[in-house]
Amino acid sequence: MKLILNMAFVTLNEYIQAERSNKYKSAAIKEQLTNSVAYLSLQQKFKLPDKKHDIIFTWYKPNNKTDHDNIAFAKKFILDGLVKAGALKNDGPKYIGNFQDIFILDKGRDYISCTIEFIEC
């Protein structure tokens, strides 16, 4: 099963900068990204069966200026959004196995986005 998240994600460094400048700013970022993922999963009628899944995150990035671990941090917002939408029962170890991250340079893109593939364990 695949979910396409054609939306902009923040990097860990951007999130930390927001946290340090104003605690409400980082909370607003988390809420906005979580809600956006929930909305997109509902829009795509995405729902996983209540079984354990491994997840492949394919990240599309506009340049090579950001470290991959800084980008992959956004999976926190993705999993929280899927739980919020009811697409995923829980993001704990009972339902989530391993992660794999793939990074693709897409110079025609202005922001970081992600496609996610779920593989039943």
Protein backbone atom coordinates (compact mmCIF):
# COMPACT_ATOMS: atom_id res chain seq x y z
CA MET A 1 0.00 0.00 0.00
CA LYS A 2 1.28 3.43 -0.93
CA LEU A 3 0.52 6.95 0.31
CA ILE A 4 1.62 10.07 -1.57
CA LEU A 5 2.30 13.14 0.55
CA ASN A 6 2.84 15.95 -1.91
CA MET A 7 3.36 18.60 0.74
CA ALA A 8 6.27 20.52 2.23
CA PHE A 9 7.99 19.14 5.33
CA VAL A 10 10.30 21.03 7.67
CA THR A 11 13.74 19.74 8.55
CA LEU A 12 14.87 19.00 12.08
CA ASN A 13 17.06 22.12 12.09
CA GLU A 14 14.09 24.31 11.08
CA TYR A 15 11.96 22.72 13.81
CA ILE A 16 14.65 23.23 16.48
CA GLN A 17 15.05 26.85 15.41
CA ALA A 18 11.29 27.35 15.80
CA GLU A 19 11.36 25.68 19.23
CA ARG A 20 14.14 27.94 20.43
CA SER A 21 12.48 31.10 19.18
CA ASN A 22 8.99 30.40 20.56
CA LYS A 23 7.50 27.20 22.00
CA TYR A 24 4.14 27.99 20.43
CA LYS A 25 5.72 28.26 16.97
CA SER A 26 7.06 24.69 17.06
CA ALA A 27 3.73 23.41 18.41
CA ALA A 28 1.97 25.13 15.51
CA ILE A 29 4.37 23.49 13.02
CA LYS A 30 3.71 20.04 14.50
CA GLU A 31 -0.05 20.57 14.48
CA GLN A 32 -0.07 21.89 10.90
CA LEU A 33 2.05 19.06 9.49
CA THR A 34 0.20 16.37 11.45
CA ASN A 35 -3.15 17.73 10.27
CA SER A 36 -1.96 17.99 6.67
CA VAL A 37 -0.86 14.34 6.65
CA ALA A 38 -4.18 13.32 8.23
CA TYR A 39 -6.09 15.29 5.59
CA LEU A 40 -4.13 13.79 2.68
CA SER A 41 -4.57 10.25 4.00
CA LEU A 42 -8.33 10.80 4.35
CA GLN A 43 -8.47 12.36 0.89
CA GLN A 44 -6.72 9.30 -0.58
CA LYS A 45 -8.99 6.97 1.46
CA PHE A 46 -5.86 5.40 2.91
CA LYS A 47 -6.37 2.81 5.66
CA LEU A 48 -3.99 0.10 6.81
CA PRO A 49 -5.21 -3.21 8.21
CA ASP A 50 -4.48 -3.61 11.94
CA LYS A 51 -1.32 -5.60 11.31
CA LYS A 52 2.39 -4.87 11.64
CA HIS A 53 4.03 -3.07 8.69
CA ASP A 54 7.53 -2.11 7.62
CA ILE A 55 7.66 1.34 6.06
CA ILE A 56 9.69 2.64 3.13
CA PHE A 57 9.90 6.43 3.08
CA THR A 58 10.94 7.91 -0.26
CA TRP A 59 11.96 11.52 0.27
CA TYR A 60 12.06 13.92 -2.67
CA LYS A 61 14.41 16.82 -2.04
CA PRO A 62 15.14 19.91 -4.16
CA ASN A 63 18.90 19.98 -3.46
CA ASN A 64 21.72 18.32 -1.52
CA LYS A 65 22.06 21.03 1.13
CA THR A 66 20.33 19.11 3.94
CA ASP A 67 21.58 15.98 5.74
CA HIS A 68 19.34 12.96 5.30
CA ASP A 69 18.76 12.45 9.03
CA ASN A 70 17.58 16.07 9.18
CA ILE A 71 14.97 15.31 6.50
CA ALA A 72 13.83 11.91 7.82
CA PHE A 73 12.90 13.51 11.15
CA ALA A 74 9.55 14.42 9.49
CA LYS A 75 8.40 10.79 9.78
CA LYS A 76 7.25 11.75 13.31
CA PHE A 77 4.62 14.07 11.82
CA ILE A 78 3.66 11.49 9.19
CA LEU A 79 3.00 8.68 11.65
CA ASP A 80 1.14 10.99 14.05
CA GLY A 81 -1.01 12.23 11.16
CA LEU A 82 -1.86 8.69 10.08
CA VAL A 83 -2.90 7.79 13.62
CA LYS A 84 -4.96 10.98 13.89
CA ALA A 85 -6.78 10.15 10.63
CA GLY A 86 -7.47 6.58 11.78
CA ALA A 87 -5.41 5.23 8.88
CA LEU A 88 -3.02 3.57 11.32
CA LYS A 89 -4.22 2.13 14.64
CA ASN A 90 -1.05 3.06 16.52
CA ASP A 91 2.53 3.99 15.68
CA GLY A 92 4.07 1.76 18.36
CA PRO A 93 6.15 -1.40 17.80
CA LYS A 94 3.03 -3.58 17.70
CA TYR A 95 2.04 -1.99 14.36
CA ILE A 96 5.30 -0.56 12.99
CA GLY A 97 8.31 -2.71 12.19
CA ASN A 98 11.36 -1.35 10.40
CA PHE A 99 11.92 1.90 8.54
CA GLN A 100 13.82 2.37 5.31
CA ASP A 101 14.61 5.82 3.92
CA ILE A 102 15.32 6.51 0.25
CA PHE A 103 16.39 9.99 -0.87
CA ILE A 104 15.85 11.24 -4.40
CA LEU A 105 17.19 14.51 -5.74
CA ASP A 106 14.41 16.29 -7.66
CA LYS A 107 15.72 19.67 -8.80
CA GLY A 108 12.30 20.62 -10.21
CA ARG A 109 10.87 20.64 -6.68
CA ASP A 110 10.83 23.60 -4.29
CA TYR A 111 10.28 21.62 -1.10
CA ILE A 112 10.81 18.25 0.59
CA SER A 113 7.97 15.77 0.07
CA CYS A 114 7.47 12.06 0.66
CA THR A 115 5.91 8.88 -0.67
CA ILE A 116 5.38 6.05 1.77
CA GLU A 117 5.05 2.35 1.07
CA PHE A 118 3.76 -0.04 3.73
CA ILE A 119 4.76 -3.71 3.61
CA GLU A 120 2.97 -6.14 5.87
CA CYS A 121 5.37 -8.07 8.12
